């Protein structure tokens, strides 16, 4: 029902295991990954991105190679009438290894086709980041770009070692 409004809760609990052989050495390899995430979306009940929605959620995302990150999205507003290329407002916080990265969605004041956000690491502002439309996907889903956040875990660990 496009245009109707309701608050919906969601919960994601996914475990993946993969195994195979290394192409370079023919040795057996295996990997696991997991997503535990729950939250709610309030607003337009649509799967086409029409209307205003506010997303909140938190959980853990990780894999056997990179480790685990804690993710929390607060008051992320997705509204195509305000900005159709990125979230209008809200934030996502990523924690790992004693470090905290905060992504601030700014589409209401800085709507760009390249989907930019402001972010900080351990309270220090960093450069603008491109390609982050939002953390939420239309429909009950966990962070749509959560896999990319696993890369942030590696970056956080590298910076911590310096």
Protein backbone atom coordinates (compact mmCIF):
# COMPACT_ATOMS: atom_id res chain seq x y z
CA UNK A 1 0.00 0.00 0.00
CA UNK A 2 1.97 2.98 -1.22
CA UNK A 3 1.40 6.06 0.88
CA UNK A 4 0.00 4.41 4.01
CA UNK A 5 1.89 4.96 7.24
CA UNK A 6 2.84 2.44 9.86
CA UNK A 7 5.65 1.47 12.20
CA UNK A 8 7.18 -1.91 11.42
CA UNK A 9 9.75 -3.87 13.40
CA UNK A 10 12.28 -6.12 11.71
CA UNK A 11 14.95 -8.57 12.78
CA UNK A 12 17.73 -10.14 10.74
CA UNK A 13 19.77 -13.13 11.93
CA UNK A 14 21.88 -14.63 9.13
CA UNK A 15 24.84 -17.00 9.28
CA UNK A 16 26.86 -17.94 6.21
CA UNK A 17 29.60 -20.53 5.86
CA UNK A 18 31.71 -21.04 2.76
CA UNK A 19 34.55 -23.38 1.93
CA UNK A 20 36.68 -24.17 -1.07
CA UNK A 21 40.25 -24.22 -2.29
CA UNK A 22 42.73 -21.43 -2.69
CA UNK A 23 43.36 -20.91 -6.42
CA UNK A 24 47.01 -20.11 -5.83
CA UNK A 25 47.99 -22.92 -3.45
CA UNK A 26 45.14 -25.48 -3.65
CA UNK A 27 44.91 -25.47 0.15
CA UNK A 28 41.48 -25.70 1.75
CA UNK A 29 39.98 -22.40 2.87
CA UNK A 30 36.83 -21.57 4.77
CA UNK A 31 35.07 -18.45 5.96
CA UNK A 32 32.04 -17.56 8.01
CA UNK A 33 30.04 -14.38 8.29
CA UNK A 34 27.05 -13.33 10.34
CA UNK A 35 24.55 -10.49 10.63
CA UNK A 36 22.43 -9.85 13.71
CA UNK A 37 20.42 -6.68 13.31
CA UNK A 38 17.04 -5.46 14.50
CA UNK A 39 15.15 -2.24 14.44
CA UNK A 40 12.12 -0.47 13.06
CA UNK A 41 11.00 1.71 10.22
CA UNK A 42 8.28 4.31 10.67
CA UNK A 43 6.50 6.07 7.85
CA UNK A 44 5.42 5.33 4.32
CA UNK A 45 4.72 1.65 3.72
CA UNK A 46 6.33 1.20 0.32
CA UNK A 47 8.92 -0.89 -1.45
CA UNK A 48 9.53 1.72 -4.14
CA UNK A 49 11.14 4.46 -2.03
CA UNK A 50 8.16 6.83 -2.25
CA UNK A 51 7.35 8.80 0.88
CA UNK A 52 9.15 9.58 4.10
CA UNK A 53 10.57 6.79 6.27
CA UNK A 54 12.54 6.96 9.51
CA UNK A 55 14.87 4.04 10.26
CA UNK A 56 16.34 2.97 13.62
CA UNK A 57 18.27 -0.20 14.31
CA UNK A 58 21.32 -1.82 15.80
CA UNK A 59 23.27 -5.03 15.67
CA UNK A 60 26.52 -6.79 14.97
CA UNK A 61 28.04 -7.68 11.62
CA UNK A 62 31.19 -9.68 11.12
CA UNK A 63 33.22 -12.34 9.38
CA UNK A 64 35.99 -14.75 10.28
CA UNK A 65 38.57 -12.72 8.35
CA UNK A 66 37.92 -9.15 9.57
CA UNK A 67 36.21 -9.51 12.93
CA UNK A 68 33.00 -7.96 14.24
CA UNK A 69 31.62 -4.44 14.16
CA UNK A 70 28.73 -3.01 16.15
CA UNK A 71 26.38 -0.84 14.10
CA UNK A 72 23.62 1.52 15.23
CA UNK A 73 21.47 3.70 13.01
CA UNK A 74 19.48 6.51 14.67
CA UNK A 75 16.67 8.56 13.16
CA UNK A 76 17.78 8.07 9.56
CA UNK A 77 15.24 9.89 7.40
CA UNK A 78 14.84 8.68 3.83
CA UNK A 79 12.56 10.94 1.77
CA UNK A 80 12.80 11.22 -2.01
CA UNK A 81 10.93 14.54 -1.98
CA UNK A 82 13.77 16.04 0.11
CA UNK A 83 16.70 14.27 -1.58
CA UNK A 84 16.43 11.24 -3.84
CA UNK A 85 20.16 10.39 -3.90
CA UNK A 86 20.91 10.13 -0.16
CA UNK A 87 19.36 10.07 3.30
CA UNK A 88 18.06 13.45 4.48
CA UNK A 89 19.27 13.23 8.09
CA UNK A 90 20.22 10.89 10.93
CA UNK A 91 23.37 8.94 11.71
CA UNK A 92 25.00 5.53 11.77
CA UNK A 93 27.65 4.68 14.37
CA UNK A 94 30.15 1.87 13.78
CA UNK A 95 32.27 0.55 16.68
CA UNK A 96 35.18 -1.87 16.64
CA UNK A 97 38.47 -2.39 18.42
CA UNK A 98 37.96 0.59 20.73
CA UNK A 99 37.32 2.94 17.80
CA UNK A 100 34.12 4.68 16.76
CA UNK A 101 33.16 5.98 13.32
CA UNK A 102 30.05 8.15 12.98
CA UNK A 103 28.38 8.77 9.63
CA UNK A 104 26.07 11.82 9.46
CA UNK A 105 23.49 11.87 6.67
CA UNK A 106 23.07 15.38 5.28
CA UNK A 107 20.82 15.14 2.22
CA UNK A 108 18.41 17.76 3.61
CA UNK A 109 21.16 20.40 3.51
CA UNK A 110 23.70 18.97 1.01
CA UNK A 111 21.86 16.74 -1.48
CA UNK A 112 24.31 15.50 -4.13
CA UNK A 113 24.00 12.94 -6.93
CA UNK A 114 27.24 11.34 -5.70
CA UNK A 115 25.50 10.48 -2.36
CA UNK A 116 27.89 12.14 0.07
CA UNK A 117 27.99 11.95 3.87
CA UNK A 118 30.06 13.53 6.59
CA UNK A 119 31.91 11.17 8.90
CA UNK A 120 34.24 11.18 11.86
CA UNK A 121 36.62 8.68 13.45
CA UNK A 122 37.08 8.78 17.22
CA UNK A 123 35.52 12.25 17.35
CA UNK A 124 37.78 13.75 14.67
CA UNK A 125 36.09 14.97 11.49
CA UNK A 126 37.23 13.24 8.32
CA UNK A 127 36.81 14.09 4.65
CA UNK A 128 33.43 13.82 2.94
CA UNK A 129 32.68 10.27 1.76
CA UNK A 130 30.88 9.51 -1.53
CA UNK A 131 28.63 6.63 -2.51
CA UNK A 132 26.62 6.22 0.72
CA UNK A 133 22.98 6.67 -0.23
CA UNK A 134 21.71 5.57 3.17
CA UNK A 135 22.07 2.72 5.62
CA UNK A 136 18.51 1.54 5.07
CA UNK A 137 17.06 -0.19 2.05
CA UNK A 138 13.39 -0.09 1.17
CA UNK A 139 11.63 -2.84 3.03
CA UNK A 140 12.64 -4.54 6.25
CA UNK A 141 16.40 -4.93 5.82
CA UNK A 142 19.54 -4.32 7.79
CA UNK A 143 22.12 -1.81 6.63
CA UNK A 144 22.25 -2.15 2.88
CA UNK A 145 25.92 -1.34 2.74
CA UNK A 146 26.93 -3.31 5.84
CA UNK A 147 29.46 -5.33 3.87
CA UNK A 148 31.29 -2.11 3.05
CA UNK A 149 31.44 -1.38 6.76
CA UNK A 150 33.54 -4.49 7.22
CA UNK A 151 36.16 -2.66 5.18
CA UNK A 152 35.89 0.17 7.70
CA UNK A 153 36.84 -2.32 10.39
CA UNK A 154 40.14 -2.96 8.63
CA UNK A 155 40.74 0.78 8.25
CA UNK A 156 40.01 1.36 11.94
CA UNK A 157 42.47 -1.38 12.91
CA UNK A 158 45.19 0.02 10.61
CA UNK A 159 44.79 3.53 12.06
CA UNK A 160 44.91 2.14 15.60
CA UNK A 161 48.29 0.53 14.90
CA UNK A 162 49.86 3.82 13.76
